[in-house]
Protein backbone atom coordinates (compact mmCIF):
# COMPACT_ATOMS: atom_id res chain seq x y z
CA MET A 1 31.12 -14.84 154.10
CA ARG A 2 27.53 -16.97 154.21
CA LEU A 3 25.42 -15.88 151.64
CA LEU A 4 21.67 -16.47 152.61
CA GLY A 5 19.82 -19.32 151.56
CA THR A 6 22.76 -21.53 150.81
CA LYS A 7 25.05 -24.43 152.77
CA ARG A 8 27.81 -23.93 153.51
CA ARG A 9 30.64 -23.52 151.08
CA ARG A 10 33.22 -26.37 150.88
CA ALA A 11 36.78 -25.73 150.79
CA THR A 12 37.23 -25.97 147.05
CA ALA A 13 34.71 -23.25 146.44
CA GLU A 14 36.90 -20.41 145.30
CA ALA A 15 34.46 -17.33 145.97
CA ASP A 16 31.42 -16.05 147.28
CA VAL A 17 29.58 -15.10 144.20
CA ALA A 18 30.65 -15.88 140.45
CA VAL A 19 29.52 -12.87 138.41
CA VAL A 20 29.08 -14.35 134.66
CA GLY A 21 28.19 -11.83 132.07
CA SER A 22 29.70 -8.54 130.81
CA GLY A 23 29.20 -5.00 130.62
CA LEU A 24 28.20 -2.76 132.88
CA PRO A 25 25.83 -4.88 134.60
CA SER A 26 28.68 -7.40 135.57
CA ARG A 27 30.58 -4.80 136.89
CA LEU A 28 28.34 -2.56 138.72
CA THR A 29 26.91 -6.53 140.45
CA ALA A 30 30.49 -7.09 140.61
CA LEU A 31 31.39 -3.88 142.40
CA GLU A 32 28.32 -3.96 145.12
CA LEU A 33 29.07 -7.35 146.18
CA GLY A 34 32.39 -6.87 146.57
CA ARG A 35 32.03 -3.22 148.93
CA ARG A 36 29.83 -5.71 150.64
CA GLY A 37 32.66 -7.91 151.74
CA ALA A 38 31.63 -10.77 149.71
CA SER A 39 34.75 -12.56 147.31
CA VAL A 40 33.85 -12.25 143.92
CA VAL A 41 35.10 -13.24 140.66
CA VAL A 42 34.19 -11.89 137.27
CA LEU A 43 33.70 -14.48 134.40
CA ASP A 44 33.41 -12.67 130.81
CA ASP A 45 35.16 -13.55 127.73
CA ALA A 46 34.27 -10.22 125.94
CA ALA A 47 36.61 -8.39 128.06
CA GLY A 48 38.65 -5.34 126.50
CA ARG A 49 35.97 -5.03 123.71
CA PRO A 50 34.24 -1.63 123.25
CA ALA A 51 31.01 -1.05 125.56
CA ARG A 52 27.98 -2.25 124.20
CA GLY A 53 24.75 0.03 123.71
CA LEU A 54 24.49 3.59 124.71
CA GLY A 55 25.43 5.45 128.02
CA LEU A 56 21.59 6.63 129.29
CA LEU A 57 20.18 7.09 132.46
CA LEU A 58 16.45 7.06 131.93
CA LEU A 59 13.84 6.45 134.51
CA GLY A 60 11.43 4.99 132.34
CA PRO A 61 11.33 1.95 129.51
CA GLY A 62 10.81 3.99 126.86
CA ARG A 63 6.82 4.50 125.89
CA PRO A 64 4.57 6.74 127.28
CA TYR A 65 3.31 6.67 130.76
CA ARG A 66 -0.05 6.39 130.16
CA SER A 67 0.33 3.36 128.35
CA VAL A 68 2.60 1.82 130.75
CA THR A 69 0.33 2.04 133.04
CA GLN A 70 -2.34 0.83 131.19
CA ALA A 71 -0.37 -2.29 130.67
CA ILE A 72 0.22 -2.75 133.95
CA GLY A 73 -1.23 -0.32 136.24
CA ARG A 74 -0.53 3.26 137.51
CA ALA A 75 1.23 2.02 141.27
CA ALA A 76 3.13 -0.33 139.41
CA ALA A 77 4.40 2.36 136.70
CA GLN A 78 5.27 4.75 139.41
CA LEU A 79 7.23 2.64 141.31
CA VAL A 80 9.01 1.65 137.92
CA TRP A 81 9.95 5.15 137.37
CA ALA A 82 11.00 5.69 140.83
CA ALA A 83 13.43 2.73 140.98
CA GLY A 84 14.89 5.05 137.62
CA CYS A 85 15.17 7.67 140.38
CA GLU A 86 16.80 5.59 142.33
CA ASN A 87 19.56 4.08 139.54
CA HIS A 88 20.01 8.08 138.82
CA LEU A 89 21.23 8.87 142.30
CA ARG A 90 23.19 5.59 142.57
CA ALA A 91 24.86 6.47 139.61
CA LYS A 92 25.43 10.31 140.07
CA ALA A 93 27.15 9.14 143.46
CA PHE A 94 29.33 6.65 142.06
CA VAL A 95 30.44 9.47 138.66
CA ASP A 96 30.81 11.63 141.92
CA GLN A 97 33.43 9.61 143.43
CA ALA A 98 34.87 8.40 140.06
CA ALA A 99 38.78 8.64 140.29
CA ARG A 100 37.52 9.65 136.22
CA ASP A 101 35.66 11.50 134.15
CA VAL A 102 32.78 9.85 132.74
CA GLY A 103 30.83 12.44 130.60
CA TYR A 104 28.02 12.79 132.57
CA GLN A 105 25.27 15.30 131.43
CA ALA A 106 22.41 15.63 133.50
CA SER A 107 20.17 17.70 129.84
CA GLY A 108 17.05 15.42 130.13
CA SER A 109 15.96 13.26 127.31
CA PHE A 110 13.36 12.89 124.51
CA LEU A 111 10.07 10.77 123.57
CA LEU A 112 9.38 11.65 120.25
CA ALA A 113 6.27 10.74 118.59
CA ARG A 114 5.94 9.38 115.31
CA ASP A 115 2.26 9.92 114.80
CA ARG A 116 -0.41 11.25 115.81
CA SER A 117 -1.46 8.88 118.79
CA GLN A 118 1.69 8.75 119.83
CA ALA A 119 2.17 12.37 120.14
CA GLU A 120 -1.94 11.97 122.20
CA GLN A 121 -0.44 9.25 124.60
CA LEU A 122 2.77 11.86 125.55
CA ALA A 123 0.27 14.90 125.89
CA GLU A 124 -1.88 13.11 128.25
CA SER A 125 1.19 11.29 130.27
CA GLU A 126 2.45 14.90 130.86
CA ASP A 127 -0.22 15.73 133.50
CA MET A 128 -0.15 11.75 134.79
CA LEU A 129 4.08 12.07 135.32
CA ARG A 130 3.74 15.23 136.90
CA ASP A 131 1.06 14.48 139.33
CA ASP A 132 3.34 11.17 140.14
CA GLY A 133 6.19 13.38 141.25
CA PHE A 134 7.95 13.12 137.60
CA ALA A 135 9.17 16.50 136.06
CA GLY A 136 9.03 16.75 132.28
CA GLU A 137 7.01 19.07 129.43
CA PHE A 138 5.28 18.05 126.54
CA LEU A 139 6.24 19.71 122.89
CA ASP A 140 3.77 19.53 120.49
CA HIS A 141 5.20 20.10 117.02
CA TYR A 142 5.81 23.73 116.67
CA MET A 143 7.51 23.82 119.77
CA LEU A 144 9.74 21.00 118.47
CA GLU A 145 10.45 22.51 114.85
CA THR A 146 11.25 25.73 117.04
CA ARG A 147 13.78 24.20 119.16
CA PHE A 148 15.24 21.75 116.96
CA ASP A 149 15.36 20.82 113.48
CA LEU A 150 13.22 17.79 113.40
CA SER A 151 10.45 18.23 110.96
CA GLY A 152 7.12 15.98 110.33
CA PHE A 153 6.87 14.38 113.70
CA PRO A 154 3.72 15.48 115.75
CA GLY A 155 5.34 15.96 119.62
CA ALA A 156 7.89 15.10 121.78
CA TYR A 157 8.18 14.64 125.63
CA TRP A 158 10.96 15.84 127.31
CA ALA A 159 11.79 14.06 130.70
CA ALA A 160 13.97 16.04 132.89
CA GLU A 161 15.43 13.69 135.36
CA ASP A 162 17.45 11.83 132.62
CA ALA A 163 20.84 11.95 132.17
CA ALA A 164 23.48 10.79 129.69
CA LEU A 165 27.31 9.88 130.14
CA ASP A 166 30.16 8.15 128.31
CA ALA A 167 29.79 4.43 128.24
CA GLY A 168 32.97 3.19 127.51
CA ARG A 169 34.47 5.38 129.76
CA LEU A 170 32.26 4.59 132.71
CA LEU A 171 32.67 0.99 132.22
CA ALA A 172 36.52 1.33 132.54
CA ALA A 173 35.87 2.96 135.70
CA VAL A 174 33.60 0.71 137.27
CA GLU A 175 35.71 -2.05 136.43
CA GLN A 176 38.69 0.16 137.90
CA ALA A 177 36.42 0.68 141.31
CA ALA A 178 35.54 -3.17 141.48
CA ARG A 179 38.88 -4.49 141.27
CA ALA A 180 40.26 -1.59 143.80
CA ALA A 181 37.30 -3.43 145.89
CA GLY A 182 38.50 -6.96 145.50
CA VAL A 183 36.87 -8.33 142.86
CA VAL A 184 38.98 -10.83 140.28
CA PHE A 185 38.52 -10.62 137.02
CA ARG A 186 39.33 -14.23 135.04
CA PRO A 187 38.81 -14.39 131.48
CA GLY A 188 37.01 -17.40 129.86
CA ARG A 189 33.94 -18.34 128.27
CA ALA A 190 31.00 -19.48 130.65
CA ARG A 191 29.94 -22.84 129.07
CA ALA A 192 26.71 -23.83 131.83
CA LEU A 193 25.57 -23.39 135.22
CA ARG A 194 25.02 -26.63 137.43
CA GLU A 195 24.04 -26.43 140.85
CA GLU A 196 25.83 -28.13 143.66
CA ALA A 197 25.18 -29.05 147.13
CA SER A 198 27.52 -26.83 147.68
CA GLY A 199 26.89 -23.65 145.53
CA VAL A 200 27.31 -23.36 141.82
CA ARG A 201 29.93 -24.72 139.36
CA VAL A 202 30.69 -22.82 136.21
CA GLU A 203 32.12 -24.88 133.60
CA LEU A 204 34.59 -22.74 131.47
CA GLU A 205 36.04 -23.90 128.09
CA ARG A 206 39.15 -24.77 130.47
CA GLY A 207 38.20 -25.96 133.74
CA SER A 208 35.89 -24.49 136.15
CA LEU A 209 34.85 -22.45 138.96
CA ARG A 210 32.93 -22.83 142.03
CA ALA A 211 31.12 -20.58 144.08
CA ALA A 212 28.74 -20.50 146.96
CA ALA A 213 26.35 -18.16 144.12
CA ALA A 214 26.71 -16.91 140.75
CA VAL A 215 24.58 -14.04 139.44
CA VAL A 216 24.31 -14.04 135.82
CA ALA A 217 24.48 -10.17 135.05
CA THR A 218 25.19 -9.19 131.27
CA ASP A 219 24.46 -6.41 128.59
CA GLY A 220 24.44 -9.05 126.31
CA PRO A 221 22.27 -12.47 126.10
CA ALA A 222 21.77 -14.69 128.84
CA ALA A 223 18.97 -17.17 128.05
CA GLU A 224 21.93 -19.75 126.59
CA LEU A 225 22.92 -19.96 130.43
CA VAL A 226 19.76 -19.78 132.43
CA PRO A 227 17.28 -21.58 129.59
CA GLU A 228 14.14 -20.87 131.93
CA LEU A 229 14.26 -17.27 130.71
CA ALA A 230 14.11 -18.04 126.92
CA PRO A 231 10.26 -17.79 127.45
CA LEU A 232 10.82 -14.01 128.91
CA LEU A 233 13.85 -13.18 126.66
CA ARG A 234 14.15 -11.94 122.64
CA PRO A 235 16.78 -11.15 120.56
CA SER A 236 17.11 -7.26 120.86
CA GLY A 237 17.60 -5.10 117.60
CA PRO A 238 21.26 -5.97 116.92
CA ALA A 239 22.74 -2.86 115.16
CA ARG A 240 24.21 0.72 115.92
CA ILE A 241 25.42 3.06 113.70
CA ALA A 242 27.63 6.29 114.27
CA LEU A 243 26.87 9.29 111.53
CA SER A 244 27.69 13.29 111.41
CA MET A 245 24.60 15.87 111.89
CA LEU A 246 24.76 18.09 109.04
CA ALA A 247 26.55 21.24 109.26
CA GLY A 248 24.71 23.56 111.41
CA ALA A 249 22.04 21.00 112.43
CA LYS A 250 20.22 21.27 116.39
CA LEU A 251 19.15 18.32 117.62
CA PRO A 252 18.58 16.61 120.75
CA SER A 253 21.25 15.07 122.51
CA VAL A 254 19.19 11.86 124.08
CA LEU A 255 16.38 10.90 122.16
CA ARG A 256 14.17 7.59 122.00
CA THR A 257 10.94 7.10 120.02
CA ALA A 258 7.58 6.49 121.46
CA ASP A 259 7.25 3.27 120.32
CA GLY A 260 10.34 1.64 121.81
CA ARG A 261 12.19 1.01 118.76
CA ILE A 262 15.06 3.68 118.33
CA ALA A 263 17.70 5.82 120.88
CA TRP A 264 20.48 8.17 119.97
CA GLN A 265 23.03 9.89 121.95
CA ALA A 266 24.71 12.93 120.53
CA ASN A 267 28.36 13.89 121.37
CA GLY A 268 29.30 17.04 119.61
CA SER A 269 28.72 16.33 116.21
CA THR A 270 28.39 12.87 116.10
CA VAL A 271 25.28 10.82 116.42
CA ARG A 272 25.51 7.22 117.35
CA LEU A 273 21.82 5.07 116.92
CA ALA A 274 20.43 2.09 118.05
CA GLU A 275 17.98 0.11 117.89
CA LEU A 276 15.81 -0.72 121.14
CA GLY A 277 13.00 -3.55 120.68
CA PRO A 278 12.73 -7.26 119.88
CA ARG A 279 14.65 -8.01 116.98
CA SER A 280 12.44 -8.22 113.70
CA LEU A 281 12.57 -9.55 110.25
CA PRO A 282 12.71 -6.54 107.84
CA GLU A 283 11.34 -6.46 104.57
CA PRO A 284 13.98 -6.72 101.79
CA GLY A 285 15.61 -3.86 101.65
CA GLU A 286 14.72 -2.70 104.90
CA ASP A 287 16.99 -0.88 107.46
CA PRO A 288 15.27 0.80 110.40
CA LEU A 289 18.04 2.94 111.71
CA THR A 290 18.82 4.14 108.16
CA ASP A 291 15.61 4.68 107.14
CA PHE A 292 14.71 6.55 110.47
CA ALA A 293 18.09 8.45 109.83
CA THR A 294 17.14 9.77 106.44
CA ARG A 295 14.09 11.96 108.29
CA LEU A 296 16.52 14.17 110.07
CA PRO A 297 19.98 16.22 109.05
CA PHE A 298 22.41 13.73 108.86
CA ASP A 299 25.30 12.92 106.92
CA LEU A 300 24.24 9.40 105.64
CA GLY A 301 27.48 8.50 103.53
CA GLY A 302 29.89 8.76 106.54
CA ALA A 303 27.78 6.36 108.81
CA SER A 304 29.76 3.60 110.44
CA ARG A 305 27.69 0.25 111.44
CA LEU A 306 28.17 -2.15 114.05
CA GLU A 307 26.40 -5.41 115.02
CA GLU A 308 25.84 -5.86 118.42
CA SER A 309 24.00 -9.16 120.36
CA ALA A 310 21.71 -8.43 122.98
CA GLU A 311 18.72 -9.41 124.65
CA ILE A 312 15.57 -8.11 126.17
CA GLY A 313 12.24 -8.76 128.40
CA VAL A 314 9.34 -9.74 126.14
CA ASP A 315 7.67 -7.05 127.77
CA ARG A 316 10.24 -4.85 127.05
CA PHE A 317 11.09 -4.64 131.07
CA PRO A 318 14.67 -6.21 132.66
CA LEU A 319 14.87 -9.00 134.41
CA ILE A 320 16.51 -8.52 137.85
CA GLY A 321 16.47 -10.72 140.89
CA ARG A 322 17.28 -13.74 142.63
CA LEU A 323 15.62 -17.19 141.48
CA PRO A 324 13.43 -18.61 144.25
CA GLY A 325 14.88 -21.18 146.39
CA ARG A 326 18.19 -21.38 144.18
CA PRO A 327 21.67 -20.08 144.48
CA LEU A 328 21.58 -18.21 141.56
CA ALA A 329 20.16 -14.25 140.64
CA VAL A 330 20.34 -12.34 137.29
CA ALA A 331 20.05 -9.00 135.69
CA CYS A 332 19.72 -8.78 132.51
CA GLY A 333 17.14 -7.96 129.21
CA PHE A 334 18.68 -4.63 129.20
CA SER A 335 18.95 -4.34 125.34
CA CYS A 336 21.40 -1.66 124.81
CA ILE A 337 20.90 1.15 127.74
CA ALA A 338 22.22 -1.01 130.55
CA PRO A 339 22.84 2.07 132.36
CA GLY A 340 18.85 2.75 133.01
CA PHE A 341 18.46 -0.14 135.52
CA ALA A 342 22.19 -1.41 136.35
CA PHE A 343 22.91 0.64 139.61
CA ALA A 344 20.07 -0.03 140.86
CA ALA A 345 19.98 -3.65 139.49
CA ALA A 346 23.24 -4.27 141.47
CA ARG A 347 21.53 -3.46 145.09
CA TRP A 348 19.12 -4.99 144.26
CA VAL A 349 20.74 -8.65 143.48
CA ALA A 350 23.28 -7.98 146.21
CA ASP A 351 20.35 -7.42 148.80
CA ALA A 352 18.93 -10.71 147.47
CA LEU A 353 21.97 -12.85 147.99
CA LEU A 354 23.34 -11.10 151.01
CA ARG A 355 20.10 -10.14 153.44
CA GLY A 356 17.38 -12.15 151.96
CA THR A 357 15.50 -9.90 150.96
CA ASP A 358 14.85 -8.73 147.10
CA PRO A 359 13.63 -5.29 146.84
CA THR A 360 13.20 -5.24 142.93
CA PRO A 361 9.72 -3.86 142.17
CA ASP A 362 7.47 -6.77 141.11
CA ALA A 363 7.19 -5.31 137.34
CA LEU A 364 11.08 -6.02 136.78
CA ARG A 365 11.24 -9.19 138.75
CA VAL A 366 12.57 -12.21 137.16
CA THR A 367 9.79 -14.12 138.71
CA ARG A 368 7.25 -11.92 136.98
CA ALA A 369 4.43 -13.25 134.34
CA PRO A 370 5.40 -11.59 131.77
CA LEU A 371 2.99 -9.21 129.85
CA ALA A 372 2.46 -8.46 126.26
CA ALA A 373 4.82 -6.10 124.48
CA LEU A 374 3.93 -2.36 125.38
CA ASP A 375 3.16 -1.20 122.22
CA VAL A 376 1.33 2.25 121.60
């Protein structure tokens, strides 16, 4: 197969595309390319480890819609939310065709306001989202406390189109489908990407692999392999904790704080909390996840903690698409909620490499000028 915008491969090339990365983004990108007839090799030194992050299928970046429109414009924000809709549709199509149950639940999700200003932003966002075709409901603190065991929070917004699934089972199902599509998985850590006249050479700890093009698709760090991305990425909050709800407590199954700092996913009586935003240097003795958990009906005594390495875009959006004029594309900066864009990102990257047109929305393109962090 000839990839658009690349020179003819030499006989020494081992694949049309080398996918370098880890987790759901690498598997989905490889699956999409493999199903379109490309020969694909996935290089992943984290094979076999538990899935990173949370299994959340979300439309937006975890900010009040009004604050996002103020930062990037309403038309661009609408396209970002529409991209989330495409992602969800593609995810649901995969779930329906998958050979195994991945725990899909179309129960929506909540954005939880920590202060009155965030609650006002969420209330104003409700009408804007409805006008732009996205369903949801604002809950003031009375409604929130009536429906759930959440007290001391001034409001929340329920996003009807959001969903959740089991991240580990999804990762296994996507890898199984990719192998069935002819994708080859090769263990080994990629040390560097070298562009050559015939494409890309991926330097490994032992040996190398040549391909007509490469994609850095990962739910972990990417800037080491593509140094020009370093100014656009920041280390994401590194921690995830699992803990149990107190007996009889009722909480939303999927929730993010409206400042974009924390998300959780509940599975029965067990809840996993993760940090979403760029890593910050806490004050001595400060632990953002544990401090937040103390405000909720959790059993902190049985909490278990996992440190993860990930990255997020400086403007809180992922970086997706082909680097202009180069046999290289990326899908990275997802933080711990890669399922929210990774299905659509795989399609956009495949189009860019195989069709020569990149359909990635401007606000998510790797070539965009990054905005300041989307604070509320």
